[in-house]
Amino acid sequence: MSGYWTPAPHAVEQEDAETLARLLAAGSDPDEVFGDMTLLTHAIDVEGDGALQSRGPLTVHTTAALPAFGADPEPADPGGRTPVDMAKHDGHDLATRLLHTHIGRRAAHGG
């Protein structure tokens, strides 16, 4: 992994859903892999870490932007974690529910 963060993983790391949405709308790959994580597993991880560190509530805005712009919520990242596995491991119930909703919609539409 190089030391250079492309704009999309940087937006995820900053939990900047607005910038992430703009990047995705402009053509950034919603399934981009940086290091050993997809943007989706990274978003779930960052939201979980942020809540743990701040002792605040879990947010889901960064995670939600990714499937909304076409990120595939099912495949494992290069580290072997699926987004649902990551969300369950982190106790991120909002992300788990969001991902199951997207997976169900994809299945209902043959995708």
PDB file of N, CA and C in Angstrom:
ATOM      1  N   MET A   1       0.850  -1.173   0.000  1.00  0.00           N
ATOM      2  CA  MET A   1       0.000   0.000   0.000  1.00  0.00           C
ATOM      3  C   MET A   1       0.893   1.231   0.000  1.00  0.00           C
ATOM      4  N   SER A   2       0.577   2.140  -0.868  1.00  0.00           N
ATOM      5  CA  SER A   2       1.352   3.374  -0.899  1.00  0.00           C
ATOM      6  C   SER A   2       0.860   4.299   0.205  1.00  0.00           C
ATOM      7  N   GLY A   3       1.628   5.342   0.472  1.00  0.00           N
ATOM      8  CA  GLY A   3       1.249   6.303   1.487  1.00  0.00           C
ATOM      9  C   GLY A   3       0.248   7.324   0.992  1.00  0.00           C
ATOM     10  N   TYR A   4      -0.116   7.273  -0.279  1.00  0.00           N
ATOM     11  CA  TYR A   4      -1.014   8.274  -0.850  1.00  0.00           C
ATOM     12  C   TYR A   4      -2.471   7.829  -0.743  1.00  0.00           C
ATOM     13  N   TRP A   5      -3.264   8.612  -0.092  1.00  0.00           N
ATOM     14  CA  TRP A   5      -4.698   8.347   0.002  1.00  0.00           C
ATOM     15  C   TRP A   5      -5.398   9.054  -1.153  1.00  0.00           C
ATOM     16  N   THR A   6      -6.150   8.320  -1.916  1.00  0.00           N
ATOM     17  CA  THR A   6      -6.965   8.952  -2.951  1.00  0.00           C
ATOM     18  C   THR A   6      -8.106   9.695  -2.255  1.00  0.00           C
ATOM     19  N   PRO A   7      -8.803  10.558  -2.954  1.00  0.00           N
ATOM     20  CA  PRO A   7      -9.832  11.371  -2.298  1.00  0.00           C
ATOM     21  C   PRO A   7     -10.958  10.571  -1.618  1.00  0.00           C
ATOM     22  N   ALA A   8     -11.416   9.484  -2.225  1.00  0.00           N
ATOM     23  CA  ALA A   8     -12.551   8.752  -1.630  1.00  0.00           C
ATOM     24  C   ALA A   8     -12.192   8.115  -0.285  1.00  0.00           C
ATOM     25  N   PRO A   9     -11.098   7.354  -0.173  1.00  0.00           N
ATOM     26  CA  PRO A   9     -10.760   6.825   1.156  1.00  0.00           C
ATOM     27  C   PRO A   9     -10.479   7.923   2.181  1.00  0.00           C
ATOM     28  N   HIS A  10      -9.936   9.034   1.711  1.00  0.00           N
ATOM     29  CA  HIS A  10      -9.687  10.158   2.627  1.00  0.00           C
ATOM     30  C   HIS A  10     -11.020  10.693   3.165  1.00  0.00           C
ATOM     31  N   ALA A  11     -12.016  10.845   2.299  1.00  0.00           N
ATOM     32  CA  ALA A  11     -13.337  11.311   2.740  1.00  0.00           C
ATOM     33  C   ALA A  11     -13.956  10.324   3.726  1.00  0.00           C
ATOM     34  N   VAL A  12     -13.794   9.027   3.453  1.00  0.00           N
ATOM     35  CA  VAL A  12     -14.305   8.014   4.380  1.00  0.00           C
ATOM     36  C   VAL A  12     -13.609   8.148   5.731  1.00  0.00           C
ATOM     37  N   GLU A  13     -12.300   8.263   5.720  1.00  0.00           N
ATOM     38  CA  GLU A  13     -11.527   8.366   6.959  1.00  0.00           C
ATOM     39  C   GLU A  13     -11.959   9.575   7.784  1.00  0.00           C
ATOM     40  N   GLN A  14     -12.343  10.658   7.120  1.00  0.00           N
ATOM     41  CA  GLN A  14     -12.782  11.879   7.798  1.00  0.00           C
ATOM     42  C   GLN A  14     -14.275  11.854   8.127  1.00  0.00           C
ATOM     43  N   GLU A  15     -14.969  10.769   7.746  1.00  0.00           N
ATOM     44  CA  GLU A  15     -16.427  10.663   7.893  1.00  0.00           C
ATOM     45  C   GLU A  15     -17.129  11.845   7.237  1.00  0.00           C
ATOM     46  N   ASP A  16     -16.625  12.226   6.071  1.00  0.00           N
ATOM     47  CA  ASP A  16     -17.156  13.357   5.319  1.00  0.00           C
ATOM     48  C   ASP A  16     -18.069  12.817   4.222  1.00  0.00           C
ATOM     49  N   ALA A  17     -19.297  12.501   4.614  1.00  0.00           N
ATOM     50  CA  ALA A  17     -20.250  11.889   3.689  1.00  0.00           C
ATOM     51  C   ALA A  17     -20.592  12.802   2.519  1.00  0.00           C
ATOM     52  N   GLU A  18     -20.614  14.097   2.749  1.00  0.00           N
ATOM     53  CA  GLU A  18     -20.942  15.040   1.677  1.00  0.00           C
ATOM     54  C   GLU A  18     -19.875  15.014   0.583  1.00  0.00           C
ATOM     55  N   THR A  19     -18.620  15.096   0.980  1.00  0.00           N
ATOM     56  CA  THR A  19     -17.538  15.027  -0.005  1.00  0.00           C
ATOM     57  C   THR A  19     -17.517  13.666  -0.675  1.00  0.00           C
ATOM     58  N   LEU A  20     -17.717  12.612   0.101  1.00  0.00           N
ATOM     59  CA  LEU A  20     -17.745  11.263  -0.476  1.00  0.00           C
ATOM     60  C   LEU A  20     -18.845  11.160  -1.527  1.00  0.00           C
ATOM     61  N   ALA A  21     -20.032  11.653  -1.228  1.00  0.00           N
ATOM     62  CA  ALA A  21     -21.133  11.606  -2.186  1.00  0.00           C
ATOM     63  C   ALA A  21     -20.800  12.378  -3.460  1.00  0.00           C
ATOM     64  N   ARG A  22     -20.179  13.524  -3.304  1.00  0.00           N
ATOM     65  CA  ARG A  22     -19.782  14.306  -4.494  1.00  0.00           C
ATOM     66  C   ARG A  22     -18.765  13.538  -5.340  1.00  0.00           C
ATOM     67  N   LEU A  23     -17.798  12.916  -4.683  1.00  0.00           N
ATOM     68  CA  LEU A  23     -16.791  12.131  -5.411  1.00  0.00           C
ATOM     69  C   LEU A  23     -17.426  10.952  -6.146  1.00  0.00           C
ATOM     70  N   LEU A  24     -18.331  10.266  -5.467  1.00  0.00           N
ATOM     71  CA  LEU A  24     -19.003   9.119  -6.089  1.00  0.00           C
ATOM     72  C   LEU A  24     -19.886   9.573  -7.250  1.00  0.00           C
ATOM     73  N   ALA A  25     -20.585  10.676  -7.071  1.00  0.00           N
ATOM     74  CA  ALA A  25     -21.431  11.205  -8.149  1.00  0.00           C
ATOM     75  C   ALA A  25     -20.601  11.623  -9.354  1.00  0.00           C
ATOM     76  N   ALA A  26     -19.362  12.039  -9.093  1.00  0.00           N
ATOM     77  CA  ALA A  26     -18.472  12.469 -10.181  1.00  0.00           C
ATOM     78  C   ALA A  26     -17.722  11.307 -10.822  1.00  0.00           C
ATOM     79  N   GLY A  27     -17.951  10.088 -10.335  1.00  0.00           N
ATOM     80  CA  GLY A  27     -17.362   8.938 -10.995  1.00  0.00           C
ATOM     81  C   GLY A  27     -16.339   8.135 -10.212  1.00  0.00           C
ATOM     82  N   SER A  28     -16.084   8.487  -8.952  1.00  0.00           N
ATOM     83  CA  SER A  28     -15.181   7.650  -8.154  1.00  0.00           C
ATOM     84  C   SER A  28     -15.791   6.261  -8.004  1.00  0.00           C
ATOM     85  N   ASP A  29     -14.941   5.264  -7.945  1.00  0.00           N
ATOM     86  CA  ASP A  29     -15.380   3.870  -7.845  1.00  0.00           C
ATOM     87  C   ASP A  29     -15.897   3.592  -6.440  1.00  0.00           C
ATOM     88  N   PRO A  30     -17.197   3.256  -6.276  1.00  0.00           N
ATOM     89  CA  PRO A  30     -17.725   2.985  -4.942  1.00  0.00           C
ATOM     90  C   PRO A  30     -17.165   1.698  -4.330  1.00  0.00           C
ATOM     91  N   ASP A  31     -16.562   0.854  -5.159  1.00  0.00           N
ATOM     92  CA  ASP A  31     -15.969  -0.395  -4.683  1.00  0.00           C
ATOM     93  C   ASP A  31     -14.442  -0.313  -4.615  1.00  0.00           C
ATOM     94  N   GLU A  32     -13.907   0.908  -4.589  1.00  0.00           N
ATOM     95  CA  GLU A  32     -12.458   1.098  -4.513  1.00  0.00           C
ATOM     96  C   GLU A  32     -11.881   0.361  -3.309  1.00  0.00           C
ATOM     97  N   VAL A  33     -10.718  -0.217  -3.516  1.00  0.00           N
ATOM     98  CA  VAL A  33      -9.995  -0.881  -2.438  1.00  0.00           C
ATOM     99  C   VAL A  33      -8.760  -0.054  -2.126  1.00  0.00           C
ATOM    100  N   PHE A  34      -8.573   0.213  -0.852  1.00  0.00           N
ATOM    101  CA  PHE A  34      -7.393   0.937  -0.393  1.00  0.00           C
ATOM    102  C   PHE A  34      -6.806   0.119   0.740  1.00  0.00           C
ATOM    103  N   GLY A  35      -5.579  -0.300   0.578  1.00  0.00           N
ATOM    104  CA  GLY A  35      -4.988  -1.189   1.571  1.00  0.00           C
ATOM    105  C   GLY A  35      -5.706  -2.521   1.526  1.00  0.00           C
ATOM    106  N   ASP A  36      -6.201  -2.963   2.653  1.00  0.00           N
ATOM    107  CA  ASP A  36      -6.900  -4.246   2.676  1.00  0.00           C
ATOM    108  C   ASP A  36      -8.390  -4.081   2.946  1.00  0.00           C
ATOM    109  N   MET A  37      -8.942  -2.893   2.626  1.00  0.00           N
ATOM    110  CA  MET A  37     -10.363  -2.640   2.851  1.00  0.00           C
ATOM    111  C   MET A  37     -11.013  -2.011   1.626  1.00  0.00           C
ATOM    112  N   THR A  38     -12.272  -2.365   1.432  1.00  0.00           N
ATOM    113  CA  THR A  38     -13.072  -1.628   0.464  1.00  0.00           C
ATOM    114  C   THR A  38     -13.509  -0.333   1.141  1.00  0.00           C
ATOM    115  N   LEU A  39     -14.006   0.595   0.363  1.00  0.00           N
ATOM    116  CA  LEU A  39     -14.529   1.829   0.967  1.00  0.00           C
ATOM    117  C   LEU A  39     -15.633   1.508   1.973  1.00  0.00           C
ATOM    118  N   LEU A  40     -16.440   0.499   1.661  1.00  0.00           N
ATOM    119  CA  LEU A  40     -17.559   0.153   2.533  1.00  0.00           C
ATOM    120  C   LEU A  40     -17.083  -0.428   3.864  1.00  0.00           C
ATOM    121  N   THR A  41     -16.147  -1.374   3.836  1.00  0.00           N
ATOM    122  CA  THR A  41     -15.660  -1.910   5.111  1.00  0.00           C
ATOM    123  C   THR A  41     -14.878  -0.833   5.873  1.00  0.00           C
ATOM    124  N   HIS A  42     -14.204   0.028   5.146  1.00  0.00           N
ATOM    125  CA  HIS A  42     -13.478   1.134   5.794  1.00  0.00           C
ATOM    126  C   HIS A  42     -14.458   2.067   6.495  1.00  0.00           C
ATOM    127  N   ALA A  43     -15.564   2.410   5.821  1.00  0.00           N
ATOM    128  CA  ALA A  43     -16.553   3.314   6.408  1.00  0.00           C
ATOM    129  C   ALA A  43     -17.134   2.725   7.693  1.00  0.00           C
ATOM    130  N   ILE A  44     -17.461   1.456   7.670  1.00  0.00           N
ATOM    131  CA  ILE A  44     -18.017   0.796   8.853  1.00  0.00           C
ATOM    132  C   ILE A  44     -17.001   0.819   9.989  1.00  0.00           C
ATOM    133  N   ASP A  45     -15.753   0.526   9.658  1.00  0.00           N
ATOM    134  CA  ASP A  45     -14.685   0.516  10.651  1.00  0.00           C
ATOM    135  C   ASP A  45     -14.477   1.905  11.254  1.00  0.00           C
ATOM    136  N   VAL A  46     -14.442   2.920  10.410  1.00  0.00           N
ATOM    137  CA  VAL A  46     -14.220   4.294  10.877  1.00  0.00           C
ATOM    138  C   VAL A  46     -15.377   4.749  11.770  1.00  0.00           C
ATOM    139  N   GLU A  47     -16.602   4.455  11.355  1.00  0.00           N
ATOM    140  CA  GLU A  47     -17.747   4.855  12.176  1.00  0.00           C
ATOM    141  C   GLU A  47     -17.713   4.158  13.538  1.00  0.00           C
ATOM    142  N   GLY A  48     -17.375   2.867  13.540  1.00  0.00           N
ATOM    143  CA  GLY A  48     -17.273   2.137  14.802  1.00  0.00           C
ATOM    144  C   GLY A  48     -16.181   2.684  15.690  1.00  0.00           C
ATOM    145  N   ASP A  49     -15.008   2.940  15.106  1.00  0.00           N
ATOM    146  CA  ASP A  49     -13.894   3.503  15.878  1.00  0.00           C
ATOM    147  C   ASP A  49     -14.231   4.891  16.411  1.00  0.00           C
ATOM    148  N   GLY A  50     -14.876   5.699  15.571  1.00  0.00           N
ATOM    149  CA  GLY A  50     -15.228   7.059  15.982  1.00  0.00           C
ATOM    150  C   GLY A  50     -16.168   7.065  17.173  1.00  0.00           C
ATOM    151  N   ALA A  51     -17.161   6.196  17.155  1.00  0.00           N
ATOM    152  CA  ALA A  51     -18.106   6.113  18.272  1.00  0.00           C
ATOM    153  C   ALA A  51     -17.407   5.614  19.530  1.00  0.00           C
ATOM    154  N   LEU A  52     -16.524   4.640  19.360  1.00  0.00           N
ATOM    155  CA  LEU A  52     -15.794   4.103  20.508  1.00  0.00           C
ATOM    156  C   LEU A  52     -14.908   5.173  21.145  1.00  0.00           C
ATOM    157  N   GLN A  53     -14.188   5.909  20.313  1.00  0.00           N
ATOM    158  CA  GLN A  53     -13.272   6.925  20.819  1.00  0.00           C
ATOM    159  C   GLN A  53     -13.996   8.116  21.451  1.00  0.00           C
ATOM    160  N   SER A  54     -15.113   8.510  20.840  1.00  0.00           N
ATOM    161  CA  SER A  54     -15.845   9.673  21.346  1.00  0.00           C
ATOM    162  C   SER A  54     -16.863   9.303  22.423  1.00  0.00           C
ATOM    163  N   ARG A  55     -17.101   8.012  22.561  1.00  0.00           N
ATOM    164  CA  ARG A  55     -18.136   7.494  23.459  1.00  0.00           C
ATOM    165  C   ARG A  55     -19.513   8.034  23.048  1.00  0.00           C
ATOM    166  N   GLY A  56     -19.623   8.373  21.773  1.00  0.00           N
ATOM    167  CA  GLY A  56     -20.878   8.890  21.240  1.00  0.00           C
ATOM    168  C   GLY A  56     -21.626   7.812  20.491  1.00  0.00           C
ATOM    169  N   PRO A  57     -22.760   8.173  19.915  1.00  0.00           N
ATOM    170  CA  PRO A  57     -23.555   7.191  19.176  1.00  0.00           C
ATOM    171  C   PRO A  57     -22.898   6.833  17.833  1.00  0.00           C
ATOM    172  N   LEU A  58     -23.184   5.628  17.390  1.00  0.00           N
ATOM    173  CA  LEU A  58     -22.735   5.218  16.058  1.00  0.00           C
ATOM    174  C   LEU A  58     -23.474   6.024  15.012  1.00  0.00           C
ATOM    175  N   THR A  59     -22.760   6.439  13.994  1.00  0.00           N
ATOM    176  CA  THR A  59     -23.389   7.105  12.854  1.00  0.00           C
ATOM    177  C   THR A  59     -23.374   6.133  11.681  1.00  0.00           C
ATOM    178  N   VAL A  60     -24.145   6.437  10.663  1.00  0.00           N
ATOM    179  CA  VAL A  60     -24.204   5.556   9.501  1.00  0.00           C
ATOM    180  C   VAL A  60     -24.162   6.344   8.196  1.00  0.00           C
ATOM    181  N   HIS A  61     -23.956   7.648   8.273  1.00  0.00           N
ATOM    182  CA  HIS A  61     -24.041   8.491   7.077  1.00  0.00           C
ATOM    183  C   HIS A  61     -22.966   8.163   6.039  1.00  0.00           C
ATOM    184  N   THR A  62     -21.758   7.892   6.457  1.00  0.00           N
ATOM    185  CA  THR A  62     -20.704   7.574   5.484  1.00  0.00           C
ATOM    186  C   THR A  62     -20.963   6.221   4.850  1.00  0.00           C
ATOM    187  N   THR A  63     -21.314   5.242   5.678  1.00  0.00           N
ATOM    188  CA  THR A  63     -21.638   3.912   5.168  1.00  0.00           C
ATOM    189  C   THR A  63     -22.802   3.986   4.197  1.00  0.00           C
ATOM    190  N   ALA A  64     -23.835   4.745   4.533  1.00  0.00           N
ATOM    191  CA  ALA A  64     -25.039   4.819   3.703  1.00  0.00           C
ATOM    192  C   ALA A  64     -24.771   5.399   2.329  1.00  0.00           C
ATOM    193  N   ALA A  65     -23.825   6.310   2.221  1.00  0.00           N
ATOM    194  CA  ALA A  65     -23.532   6.922   0.918  1.00  0.00           C
ATOM    195  C   ALA A  65     -23.014   5.905  -0.086  1.00  0.00           C
ATOM    196  N   LEU A  66     -22.299   4.913   0.370  1.00  0.00           N
ATOM    197  CA  LEU A  66     -21.643   3.986  -0.556  1.00  0.00           C
ATOM    198  C   LEU A  66     -22.616   3.094  -1.330  1.00  0.00           C
ATOM    199  N   PRO A  67     -23.513   2.330  -0.680  1.00  0.00           N
ATOM    200  CA  PRO A  67     -24.465   1.551  -1.478  1.00  0.00           C
ATOM    201  C   PRO A  67     -25.418   2.429  -2.275  1.00  0.00           C
ATOM    202  N   ALA A  68     -25.693   3.639  -1.765  1.00  0.00           N
ATOM    203  CA  ALA A  68     -26.556   4.562  -2.510  1.00  0.00           C
ATOM    204  C   ALA A  68     -25.941   4.922  -3.859  1.00  0.00           C
ATOM    205  N   PHE A  69     -24.613   4.889  -3.936  1.00  0.00           N
ATOM    206  CA  PHE A  69     -23.912   5.188  -5.180  1.00  0.00           C
ATOM    207  C   PHE A  69     -23.343   3.940  -5.841  1.00  0.00           C
ATOM    208  N   GLY A  70     -23.866   2.766  -5.458  1.00  0.00           N
ATOM    209  CA  GLY A  70     -23.539   1.549  -6.193  1.00  0.00           C
ATOM    210  C   GLY A  70     -22.524   0.608  -5.587  1.00  0.00           C
ATOM    211  N   ALA A  71     -22.026   0.892  -4.377  1.00  0.00           N
ATOM    212  CA  ALA A  71     -21.084  -0.046  -3.759  1.00  0.00           C
ATOM    213  C   ALA A  71     -21.785  -1.379  -3.531  1.00  0.00           C
ATOM    214  N   ASP A  72     -21.103  -2.456  -3.848  1.00  0.00           N
ATOM    215  CA  ASP A  72     -21.652  -3.792  -3.658  1.00  0.00           C
ATOM    216  C   ASP A  72     -21.518  -4.161  -2.186  1.00  0.00           C
ATOM    217  N   PRO A  73     -22.633  -4.405  -1.488  1.00  0.00           N
ATOM    218  CA  PRO A  73     -22.574  -4.661  -0.052  1.00  0.00           C
ATOM    219  C   PRO A  73     -22.233  -6.092   0.339  1.00  0.00           C
ATOM    220  N   GLU A  74     -21.963  -6.961  -0.645  1.00  0.00           N
ATOM    221  CA  GLU A  74     -21.784  -8.368  -0.309  1.00  0.00           C
ATOM    222  C   GLU A  74     -20.359  -8.904  -0.311  1.00  0.00           C
ATOM    223  N   PRO A  75     -19.517  -8.588  -1.272  1.00  0.00           N
ATOM    224  CA  PRO A  75     -18.224  -9.282  -1.315  1.00  0.00           C
ATOM    225  C   PRO A  75     -17.288  -8.912  -0.166  1.00  0.00           C
ATOM    226  N   ALA A  76     -16.425  -9.859   0.148  1.00  0.00           N
ATOM    227  CA  ALA A  76     -15.398  -9.612   1.169  1.00  0.00           C
ATOM    228  C   ALA A  76     -14.317  -8.701   0.601  1.00  0.00           C
ATOM    229  N   ASP A  77     -13.703  -7.940   1.499  1.00  0.00           N
ATOM    230  CA  ASP A  77     -12.576  -7.110   1.098  1.00  0.00           C
ATOM    231  C   ASP A  77     -11.311  -7.975   1.046  1.00  0.00           C
ATOM    232  N   PRO A  78     -10.190  -7.434   0.597  1.00  0.00           N
ATOM    233  CA  PRO A  78      -8.965  -8.232   0.524  1.00  0.00           C
ATOM    234  C   PRO A  78      -8.526  -8.816   1.874  1.00  0.00           C
ATOM    235  N   GLY A  79      -8.988  -8.223   2.970  1.00  0.00           N
ATOM    236  CA  GLY A  79      -8.677  -8.759   4.289  1.00  0.00           C
ATOM    237  C   GLY A  79      -9.604  -9.892   4.701  1.00  0.00           C
ATOM    238  N   GLY A  80     -10.578 -10.231   3.827  1.00  0.00           N
ATOM    239  CA  GLY A  80     -11.490 -11.341   4.081  1.00  0.00           C
ATOM    240  C   GLY A  80     -12.753 -10.980   4.840  1.00  0.00           C
ATOM    241  N   ARG A  81     -12.990  -9.691   5.072  1.00  0.00           N
ATOM    242  CA  ARG A  81     -14.170  -9.260   5.823  1.00  0.00           C
ATOM    243  C   ARG A  81     -15.270  -8.793   4.877  1.00  0.00           C
ATOM    244  N   THR A  82     -16.486  -9.300   5.076  1.00  0.00           N
ATOM    245  CA  THR A  82     -17.617  -8.735   4.339  1.00  0.00           C
ATOM    246  C   THR A  82     -18.086  -7.501   5.108  1.00  0.00           C
ATOM    247  N   PRO A  83     -18.772  -6.596   4.442  1.00  0.00           N
ATOM    248  CA  PRO A  83     -19.300  -5.445   5.163  1.00  0.00           C
ATOM    249  C   PRO A  83     -20.216  -5.848   6.325  1.00  0.00           C
ATOM    250  N   VAL A  84     -21.057  -6.860   6.117  1.00  0.00           N
ATOM    251  CA  VAL A  84     -21.949  -7.299   7.194  1.00  0.00           C
ATOM    252  C   VAL A  84     -21.135  -7.873   8.355  1.00  0.00           C
ATOM    253  N   ASP A  85     -20.113  -8.673   8.049  1.00  0.00           N
ATOM    254  CA  ASP A  85     -19.250  -9.206   9.115  1.00  0.00           C
ATOM    255  C   ASP A  85     -18.616  -8.075   9.916  1.00  0.00           C
ATOM    256  N   MET A  86     -18.119  -7.064   9.218  1.00  0.00           N
ATOM    257  CA  MET A  86     -17.462  -5.929   9.877  1.00  0.00           C
ATOM    258  C   MET A  86     -18.466  -5.202  10.773  1.00  0.00           C
ATOM    259  N   ALA A  87     -19.670  -4.964  10.250  1.00  0.00           N
ATOM    260  CA  ALA A  87     -20.689  -4.247  11.026  1.00  0.00           C
ATOM    261  C   ALA A  87     -21.087  -5.044  12.267  1.00  0.00           C
ATOM    262  N   LYS A  88     -21.274  -6.353  12.109  1.00  0.00           N
ATOM    263  CA  LYS A  88     -21.640  -7.180  13.262  1.00  0.00           C
ATOM    264  C   LYS A  88     -20.513  -7.213  14.284  1.00  0.00           C
ATOM    265  N   HIS A  89     -19.282  -7.349  13.822  1.00  0.00           N
ATOM    266  CA  HIS A  89     -18.131  -7.378  14.724  1.00  0.00           C
ATOM    267  C   HIS A  89     -18.032  -6.097  15.535  1.00  0.00           C
ATOM    268  N   ASP A  90     -18.313  -4.961  14.894  1.00  0.00           N
ATOM    269  CA  ASP A  90     -18.222  -3.659  15.557  1.00  0.00           C
ATOM    270  C   ASP A  90     -19.486  -3.303  16.345  1.00  0.00           C
ATOM    271  N   GLY A  91     -20.496  -4.182  16.309  1.00  0.00           N
ATOM    272  CA  GLY A  91     -21.753  -3.863  16.980  1.00  0.00           C
ATOM    273  C   GLY A  91     -22.482  -2.706  16.335  1.00  0.00           C
ATOM    274  N   HIS A  92     -22.253  -2.540  15.032  1.00  0.00           N
ATOM    275  CA  HIS A  92     -22.822  -1.406  14.284  1.00  0.00           C
ATOM    276  C   HIS A  92     -24.162  -1.847  13.685  1.00  0.00           C
ATOM    277  N   ASP A  93     -25.184  -1.853  14.547  1.00  0.00           N
ATOM    278  CA  ASP A  93     -26.498  -2.356  14.142  1.00  0.00           C
ATOM    279  C   ASP A  93     -27.122  -1.558  13.006  1.00  0.00           C
ATOM    280  N   LEU A  94     -26.927  -0.231  13.001  1.00  0.00           N
ATOM    281  CA  LEU A  94     -27.482   0.584  11.915  1.00  0.00           C
ATOM    282  C   LEU A  94     -26.889   0.172  10.571  1.00  0.00           C
ATOM    283  N   ALA A  95     -25.584  -0.027  10.534  1.00  0.00           N
ATOM    284  CA  ALA A  95     -24.942  -0.440   9.287  1.00  0.00           C
ATOM    285  C   ALA A  95     -25.395  -1.840   8.885  1.00  0.00           C
ATOM    286  N   THR A  96     -25.535  -2.740   9.855  1.00  0.00           N
ATOM    287  CA  THR A  96     -25.992  -4.098   9.561  1.00  0.00           C
ATOM    288  C   THR A  96     -27.376  -4.050   8.915  1.00  0.00           C
ATOM    289  N   ARG A  97     -28.279  -3.284   9.498  1.00  0.00           N
ATOM    290  CA  ARG A  97     -29.636  -3.179   8.944  1.00  0.00           C
ATOM    291  C   ARG A  97     -29.616  -2.538   7.567  1.00  0.00           C
ATOM    292  N   LEU A  98     -28.839  -1.486   7.402  1.00  0.00           N
ATOM    293  CA  LEU A  98     -28.732  -0.815   6.109  1.00  0.00           C
ATOM    294  C   LEU A  98     -28.219  -1.782   5.034  1.00  0.00           C
ATOM    295  N   LEU A  99     -27.184  -2.542   5.354  1.00  0.00           N
ATOM    296  CA  LEU A  99     -26.603  -3.479   4.390  1.00  0.00           C
ATOM    297  C   LEU A  99     -27.588  -4.583   4.032  1.00  0.00           C
ATOM    298  N   HIS A 100     -28.283  -5.125   5.039  1.00  0.00           N
ATOM    299  CA  HIS A 100     -29.275  -6.168   4.754  1.00  0.00           C
ATOM    300  C   HIS A 100     -30.389  -5.622   3.862  1.00  0.00           C
ATOM    301  N   THR A 101     -30.766  -4.370   4.062  1.00  0.00           N
ATOM    302  CA  THR A 101     -31.792  -3.749   3.207  1.00  0.00           C
ATOM    303  C   THR A 101     -31.296  -3.663   1.766  1.00  0.00           C
ATOM    304  N   HIS A 102     -30.060  -3.218   1.570  1.00  0.00           N
ATOM    305  CA  HIS A 102     -29.514  -3.123   0.209  1.00  0.00           C
ATOM    306  C   HIS A 102     -29.354  -4.499  -0.432  1.00  0.00           C
ATOM    307  N   ILE A 103     -28.914  -5.465   0.344  1.00  0.00           N
ATOM    308  CA  ILE A 103     -28.760  -6.827  -0.187  1.00  0.00           C
ATOM    309  C   ILE A 103     -30.122  -7.377  -0.588  1.00  0.00           C
ATOM    310  N   GLY A 104     -31.149  -7.145   0.235  1.00  0.00           N
ATOM    311  CA  GLY A 104     -32.496  -7.610  -0.086  1.00  0.00           C
ATOM    312  C   GLY A 104     -33.050  -6.950  -1.344  1.00  0.00           C
ATOM    313  N   ARG A 105     -32.800  -5.658  -1.503  1.00  0.00           N
ATOM    314  CA  ARG A 105     -33.272  -4.960  -2.706  1.00  0.00           C
ATOM    315  C   ARG A 105     -32.570  -5.470  -3.956  1.00  0.00           C
ATOM    316  N   ARG A 106     -31.271  -5.716  -3.833  1.00  0.00           N
ATOM    317  CA  ARG A 106     -30.517  -6.231  -4.988  1.00  0.00           C
ATOM    318  C   ARG A 106     -31.059  -7.595  -5.388  1.00  0.00           C
ATOM    319  N   ALA A 107     -31.330  -8.446  -4.397  1.00  0.00           N
ATOM    320  CA  ALA A 107     -31.843  -9.787  -4.671  1.00  0.00           C
ATOM    321  C   ALA A 107     -33.214  -9.714  -5.320  1.00  0.00           C
ATOM    322  N   ALA A 108     -34.051  -8.786  -4.835  1.00  0.00           N
ATOM    323  CA  ALA A 108     -35.416  -8.646  -5.377  1.00  0.00           C
ATOM    324  C   ALA A 108     -35.402  -8.160  -6.818  1.00  0.00           C
ATOM    325  N   HIS A 109     -34.335  -7.446  -7.195  1.00  0.00           N
ATOM    326  CA  HIS A 109     -34.227  -6.918  -8.555  1.00  0.00           C
ATOM    327  C   HIS A 109     -33.273  -7.735  -9.410  1.00  0.00           C
ATOM    328  N   GLY A 110     -32.938  -8.911  -8.953  1.00  0.00           N
ATOM    329  CA  GLY A 110     -32.094  -9.803  -9.758  1.00  0.00           C
ATOM    330  C   GLY A 110     -30.633  -9.402  -9.815  1.00  0.00           C
ATOM    331  N   GLY A 111     -30.158  -8.562  -8.906  1.00  0.00           N
ATOM    332  CA  GLY A 111     -28.783  -8.109  -8.973  1.00  0.00           C
ATOM    333  C   GLY A 111     -28.033  -8.570  -7.846  1.00  0.00           C
TER     334      GLY A 111
END
